C-alpha atoms as a PDB file:
ATOM      1  CA  MET A   1     208.421 -53.657 193.893  1.00  0.00           C
ATOM      2  CA  LYS A   2     209.850 -57.022 193.604  1.00  0.00           C
ATOM      3  CA  THR A   3     212.726 -58.145 192.077  1.00  0.00           C
ATOM      4  CA  LEU A   4     211.541 -58.123 188.034  1.00  0.00           C
ATOM      5  CA  PHE A   5     213.097 -61.276 186.441  1.00  0.00           C
ATOM      6  CA  ALA A   6     214.068 -61.420 182.463  1.00  0.00           C
ATOM      7  CA  GLY A   7     211.834 -59.666 179.970  1.00  0.00           C
ATOM      8  CA  HIS A   8     210.287 -57.778 183.258  1.00  0.00           C
ATOM      9  CA  ASP A   9     213.233 -56.516 184.160  1.00  0.00           C
ATOM     10  CA  PHE A  10     214.414 -55.525 180.699  1.00  0.00           C
ATOM     11  CA  LEU A  11     211.016 -53.492 180.311  1.00  0.00           C
ATOM     12  CA  ASN A  12     211.717 -52.052 183.080  1.00  0.00           C
ATOM     13  CA  ALA A  13     215.420 -51.290 183.008  1.00  0.00           C
ATOM     14  CA  TYR A  14     215.395 -49.351 179.899  1.00  0.00           C
ATOM     15  CA  PRO A  15     213.820 -45.457 178.768  1.00  0.00           C
ATOM     16  CA  PHE A  16     210.900 -46.043 176.243  1.00  0.00           C
ATOM     17  CA  TYR A  17     212.202 -44.508 173.453  1.00  0.00           C
ATOM     18  CA  VAL A  18     214.553 -47.614 173.600  1.00  0.00           C
ATOM     19  CA  TYR A  19     211.482 -50.310 172.662  1.00  0.00           C
ATOM     20  CA  ALA A  20     210.810 -47.983 169.713  1.00  0.00           C
ATOM     21  CA  LEU A  21     214.603 -47.637 168.285  1.00  0.00           C
ATOM     22  CA  VAL A  22     214.577 -51.505 168.542  1.00  0.00           C
ATOM     23  CA  TYR A  23     211.262 -51.713 166.442  1.00  0.00           C
ATOM     24  CA  LEU A  24     212.901 -49.360 163.836  1.00  0.00           C
ATOM     25  CA  VAL A  25     215.682 -50.955 163.563  1.00  0.00           C
ATOM     26  CA  GLY A  26     213.967 -54.178 163.110  1.00  0.00           C
ATOM     27  CA  ILE A  27     211.957 -52.815 160.269  1.00  0.00           C
ATOM     28  CA  LEU A  28     215.222 -50.969 158.392  1.00  0.00           C
ATOM     29  CA  LEU A  29     217.245 -54.667 158.980  1.00  0.00           C
ATOM     30  CA  LEU A  30     214.467 -55.927 157.123  1.00  0.00           C
ATOM     31  CA  LEU A  31     214.162 -53.293 154.535  1.00  0.00           C
ATOM     32  CA  ILE A  32     218.195 -53.310 154.195  1.00  0.00           C
ATOM     33  CA  GLY A  33     218.420 -57.179 154.249  1.00  0.00           C
ATOM     34  CA  ARG A  34     215.886 -57.230 151.230  1.00  0.00           C
ATOM     35  CA  LYS A  35     217.535 -54.728 149.735  1.00  0.00           C
ATOM     36  CA  ILE A  36     220.993 -56.997 149.786  1.00  0.00           C
ATOM     37  CA  PHE A  37     219.200 -60.403 148.709  1.00  0.00           C
ATOM     38  CA  GLU A  38     216.920 -59.476 147.421  1.00  0.00           C
ATOM     39  CA  GLY A  39     217.522 -56.075 145.078  1.00  0.00           C
ATOM     40  CA  ARG A  40     214.437 -54.362 146.587  1.00  0.00           C
ATOM     41  CA  ALA A  41     213.751 -53.018 149.960  1.00  0.00           C
ATOM     42  CA  TYR A  42     209.928 -53.734 150.728  1.00  0.00           C
ATOM     43  CA  ASN A  43     207.143 -54.492 152.950  1.00  0.00           C
ATOM     44  CA  VAL A  44     203.883 -54.476 151.329  1.00  0.00           C
ATOM     45  CA  ALA A  45     202.306 -55.978 154.113  1.00  0.00           C
ATOM     46  CA  ARG A  46     200.587 -53.477 156.826  1.00  0.00           C
ATOM     47  CA  SER A  47     200.524 -55.818 159.609  1.00  0.00           C
ATOM     48  CA  GLY A  48     204.443 -56.111 159.126  1.00  0.00           C
ATOM     49  CA  ASP A  49     205.016 -52.359 159.252  1.00  0.00           C
ATOM     50  CA  LEU A  50     201.666 -50.924 161.267  1.00  0.00           C
ATOM     51  CA  GLY A  51     200.807 -54.511 162.693  1.00  0.00           C
ATOM     52  CA  ASP A  52     204.138 -54.595 164.250  1.00  0.00           C
ATOM     53  CA  ALA A  53     203.827 -51.040 165.408  1.00  0.00           C
ATOM     54  CA  SER A  54     201.045 -51.336 167.394  1.00  0.00           C
ATOM     55  CA  LEU A  55     202.532 -54.496 169.128  1.00  0.00           C
ATOM     56  CA  THR A  56     205.340 -52.147 169.802  1.00  0.00           C
ATOM     57  CA  ALA A  57     202.975 -49.914 171.722  1.00  0.00           C
ATOM     58  CA  PHE A  58     201.419 -52.561 173.606  1.00  0.00           C
ATOM     59  CA  VAL A  59     204.666 -53.912 174.962  1.00  0.00           C
ATOM     60  CA  ILE A  60     206.040 -50.143 175.552  1.00  0.00           C
ATOM     61  CA  LEU A  61     202.405 -49.669 177.530  1.00  0.00           C
ATOM     62  CA  GLY A  62     202.884 -52.917 179.452  1.00  0.00           C
ATOM     63  CA  ALA A  63     206.524 -51.556 180.191  1.00  0.00           C
ATOM     64  CA  TRP A  64     204.703 -48.292 181.726  1.00  0.00           C
ATOM     65  CA  ILE A  65     202.527 -50.208 183.676  1.00  0.00           C
ATOM     66  CA  ILE A  66     205.905 -52.138 185.601  1.00  0.00           C
ATOM     67  CA  ARG A  67     206.970 -48.507 186.360  1.00  0.00           C
ATOM     68  CA  GLN A  68     203.990 -47.374 187.991  1.00  0.00           C
ATOM     69  CA  PRO A  69     204.839 -47.540 192.026  1.00  0.00           C
ATOM     70  CA  TYR A  70     201.632 -49.681 192.489  1.00  0.00           C
ATOM     71  CA  PHE A  71     203.834 -52.647 190.570  1.00  0.00           C
ATOM     72  CA  ASN A  72     203.690 -55.654 192.774  1.00  0.00           C
ATOM     73  CA  PRO A  73     202.981 -58.683 190.529  1.00  0.00           C
ATOM     74  CA  ALA A  74     201.975 -62.247 191.434  1.00  0.00           C
ATOM     75  CA  ASN A  75     205.221 -64.389 192.304  1.00  0.00           C
ATOM     76  CA  TRP A  76     204.569 -66.739 189.078  1.00  0.00           C
ATOM     77  CA  MET A  77     205.087 -63.899 186.715  1.00  0.00           C
ATOM     78  CA  GLU A  78     208.378 -63.092 188.029  1.00  0.00           C
ATOM     79  CA  SER A  79     209.294 -67.219 188.125  1.00  0.00           C
ATOM     80  CA  LYS A  80     211.638 -68.378 186.112  1.00  0.00           C
ATOM     81  CA  THR A  81     209.348 -71.366 185.230  1.00  0.00           C
ATOM     82  CA  PHE A  82     206.830 -68.667 183.811  1.00  0.00           C
ATOM     83  CA  HIS A  83     209.850 -67.262 182.143  1.00  0.00           C
ATOM     84  CA  ILE A  84     211.305 -70.116 180.550  1.00  0.00           C
ATOM     85  CA  THR A  85     208.340 -71.730 179.702  1.00  0.00           C
ATOM     86  CA  VAL A  86     207.323 -68.416 177.381  1.00  0.00           C
ATOM     87  CA  ILE A  87     210.454 -68.525 175.662  1.00  0.00           C
ATOM     88  CA  VAL A  88     209.866 -72.428 174.818  1.00  0.00           C
ATOM     89  CA  ILE A  89     206.480 -71.567 173.590  1.00  0.00           C
ATOM     90  CA  SER A  90     207.898 -68.408 171.833  1.00  0.00           C
ATOM     91  CA  ILE A  91     210.808 -70.838 170.522  1.00  0.00           C
ATOM     92  CA  VAL A  92     208.441 -73.689 168.877  1.00  0.00           C
ATOM     93  CA  SER A  93     205.601 -71.045 167.638  1.00  0.00           C
ATOM     94  CA  ALA A  94     208.952 -69.916 165.557  1.00  0.00           C
ATOM     95  CA  LEU A  95     209.899 -73.752 164.769  1.00  0.00           C
ATOM     96  CA  ILE A  96     205.946 -74.050 163.781  1.00  0.00           C
ATOM     97  CA  TYR A  97     205.707 -71.208 161.663  1.00  0.00           C
ATOM     98  CA  PHE A  98     208.813 -71.462 160.011  1.00  0.00           C
ATOM     99  CA  LEU A  99     208.375 -74.769 158.641  1.00  0.00           C
ATOM    100  CA  ILE A 100     204.712 -74.222 157.875  1.00  0.00           C
ATOM    101  CA  THR A 101     205.969 -71.662 155.444  1.00  0.00           C
ATOM    102  CA  LYS A 102     209.474 -72.520 154.142  1.00  0.00           C
ATOM    103  CA  PRO A 103     211.258 -69.474 153.915  1.00  0.00           C
ATOM    104  CA  LYS A 104     212.649 -69.269 150.730  1.00  0.00           C
ATOM    105  CA  GLN A 105     214.318 -65.698 151.655  1.00  0.00           C
ATOM    106  CA  VAL A 106     217.074 -64.954 153.887  1.00  0.00           C
ATOM    107  CA  MET A 107     215.010 -62.051 155.360  1.00  0.00           C
ATOM    108  CA  ASP A 108     212.079 -64.041 156.053  1.00  0.00           C
ATOM    109  CA  ALA A 109     213.762 -66.339 157.902  1.00  0.00           C
ATOM    110  CA  PHE A 110     215.469 -63.614 159.777  1.00  0.00           C
ATOM    111  CA  HIS A 111     211.959 -62.521 160.666  1.00  0.00           C
ATOM    112  CA  ALA A 112     210.614 -66.191 161.750  1.00  0.00           C
ATOM    113  CA  VAL A 113     213.763 -67.211 163.380  1.00  0.00           C
ATOM    114  CA  VAL A 114     214.332 -63.642 165.347  1.00  0.00           C
ATOM    115  CA  ILE A 115     211.356 -61.213 164.968  1.00  0.00           C
ATOM    116  CA  LEU A 116     208.207 -63.759 165.639  1.00  0.00           C
ATOM    117  CA  PRO A 117     210.029 -65.441 168.368  1.00  0.00           C
ATOM    118  CA  ALA A 118     211.184 -61.868 170.013  1.00  0.00           C
ATOM    119  CA  PHE A 119     207.266 -60.494 169.824  1.00  0.00           C
ATOM    120  CA  VAL A 120     205.604 -63.202 171.119  1.00  0.00           C
ATOM    121  CA  TYR A 121     207.779 -63.259 174.109  1.00  0.00           C
ATOM    122  CA  PHE A 122     207.511 -59.852 174.728  1.00  0.00           C
ATOM    123  CA  ILE A 123     203.885 -59.879 174.030  1.00  0.00           C
ATOM    124  CA  ALA A 124     203.129 -63.246 176.189  1.00  0.00           C
ATOM    125  CA  ILE A 125     205.054 -61.535 179.356  1.00  0.00           C
ATOM    126  CA  THR A 126     202.996 -58.249 179.144  1.00  0.00           C
ATOM    127  CA  ILE A 127     199.574 -59.934 178.917  1.00  0.00           C
ATOM    128  CA  PRO A 128     199.546 -60.977 182.799  1.00  0.00           C
ATOM    129  CA  ILE A 129     201.031 -57.537 183.573  1.00  0.00           C
ATOM    130  CA  TYR A 130     198.082 -56.016 182.383  1.00  0.00           C
ATOM    131  CA  LEU A 131     195.528 -58.198 183.461  1.00  0.00           C
ATOM    132  CA  HIS A 132     197.087 -58.155 186.839  1.00  0.00           C
ATOM    133  CA  THR A 133     197.619 -54.610 187.680  1.00  0.00           C
ATOM    134  CA  GLY A 134     196.147 -53.032 184.783  1.00  0.00           C
ATOM    135  CA  ASP A 135     193.294 -50.977 185.287  1.00  0.00           C
ATOM    136  CA  ILE A 136     189.921 -50.898 183.062  1.00  0.00           C
ATOM    137  CA  ILE A 137     191.535 -48.076 180.534  1.00  0.00           C
ATOM    138  CA  LEU A 138     194.960 -49.679 180.212  1.00  0.00           C
ATOM    139  CA  ILE A 139     193.503 -52.860 179.493  1.00  0.00           C
ATOM    140  CA  LEU A 140     191.121 -51.369 176.615  1.00  0.00           C
ATOM    141  CA  PHE A 141     194.414 -49.783 175.214  1.00  0.00           C
ATOM    142  CA  GLY A 142     196.269 -52.815 175.363  1.00  0.00           C
ATOM    143  CA  LEU A 143     193.694 -54.675 173.753  1.00  0.00           C
ATOM    144  CA  MET A 144     193.074 -52.283 171.272  1.00  0.00           C
ATOM    145  CA  PHE A 145     196.865 -52.303 169.943  1.00  0.00           C
ATOM    146  CA  LEU A 146     196.498 -56.138 170.016  1.00  0.00           C
ATOM    147  CA  VAL A 147     193.303 -56.078 167.999  1.00  0.00           C
ATOM    148  CA  ILE A 148     194.843 -53.410 165.349  1.00  0.00           C
ATOM    149  CA  TRP A 149     197.316 -56.072 164.642  1.00  0.00           C
ATOM    150  CA  LEU A 150     194.910 -58.552 164.368  1.00  0.00           C
ATOM    151  CA  LEU A 151     192.472 -56.489 161.686  1.00  0.00           C
ATOM    152  CA  LEU A 152     196.002 -56.050 159.766  1.00  0.00           C
ATOM    153  CA  VAL A 153     196.970 -59.177 159.548  1.00  0.00           C
ATOM    154  CA  ILE A 154     193.079 -60.429 158.113  1.00  0.00           C
ATOM    155  CA  TRP A 155     193.254 -57.312 155.634  1.00  0.00           C
ATOM    156  CA  ASP A 156     196.825 -58.582 154.518  1.00  0.00           C
ATOM    157  CA  ALA A 157     195.489 -61.840 154.326  1.00  0.00           C
ATOM    158  CA  LYS A 158     192.218 -61.215 152.314  1.00  0.00           C
ATOM    159  CA  ARG A 159     194.447 -58.942 149.685  1.00  0.00           C
ATOM    160  CA  GLN A 160     196.903 -61.771 149.735  1.00  0.00           C
ATOM    161  CA  ARG A 161     199.541 -59.316 150.901  1.00  0.00           C
ATOM    162  CA  LEU A 162     201.392 -61.543 153.325  1.00  0.00           C
ATOM    163  CA  ASP A 163     202.618 -63.273 150.601  1.00  0.00           C
ATOM    164  CA  GLN A 164     204.708 -60.187 149.365  1.00  0.00           C
ATOM    165  CA  ARG A 165     206.741 -61.139 146.825  1.00  0.00           C
ATOM    166  CA  THR A 166     203.735 -62.792 144.930  1.00  0.00           C
ATOM    167  CA  TRP A 167     201.750 -59.943 145.412  1.00  0.00           C
ATOM    168  CA  ILE A 168     204.370 -57.650 143.981  1.00  0.00           C
ATOM    169  CA  ARG A 169     204.506 -59.567 140.813  1.00  0.00           C
ATOM    170  CA  GLU A 170     201.267 -59.440 140.147  1.00  0.00           C
ATOM    171  CA  HIS A 171     200.588 -56.375 141.483  1.00  0.00           C
ATOM    172  CA  ARG A 172     203.339 -54.784 139.838  1.00  0.00           C
ATOM    173  CA  PRO A 173     203.274 -51.491 141.957  1.00  0.00           C
ATOM    174  CA  GLN A 174     204.892 -48.214 140.529  1.00  0.00           C
ATOM    175  CA  TRP A 175     207.290 -47.354 143.165  1.00  0.00           C
ATOM    176  CA  LYS A 176     207.617 -43.859 143.705  1.00  0.00           C
ATOM    177  CA  PHE A 177     211.397 -44.434 144.402  1.00  0.00           C
ATOM    178  CA  LYS A 178     214.314 -46.057 142.851  1.00  0.00           C
ATOM    179  CA  ASN A 179     216.028 -48.184 144.902  1.00  0.00           C
END
C-alpha cells in the first residue's frame, strides 16, 4: 500500500466509529448552538440530519475501501496538488454558499464555514476511491448514499424546509418537548 496523504491518511488512521462520533458531535454542536443563540434547538431539514448521516456513511464506506489490502491509489490521488485543489474548491464552495445565503444566525454561519467545506472535501476525496478501487457493489452503495442525500435536499426544498426558521414560523409545530 502506498503512503496516504491528507484526508486519505485521516480516513485510514481512525476506527470507523470516530467518523460517526464526529457526525454526532456536529449535529449536537448545531443543536446546542441554536439553543444558546436562538433559544430553541431545532433541525427540521431532513437533508440536515438524515442527509448528513447518509453523506457520513458514504465517507465511512470510502474509509473502509482504503483499508482493504487491494487498495492501491493512483499517484494523483495522493498528490499534494490534488488535495490542495480540493481544499481550495471546498473553501470557495463554502464562501459562495455563505455569500448567497448570507446567514443571519451564528449556527447557520458555522454550518457554512465549517460543516459544508468539511463535507465537500471528504466527499470529493472519497469519490475517486470508489471509482478507482471500488467494485460495482461498493460503487452502487456509495451512489445510493449520495442519492439519498440529494433526494432529501429536493424533498426539503419542495417543502421549503431548507429555510428552517421560516418553516417553523409558518407551520408553528407543536413541539413534543420543551427546550
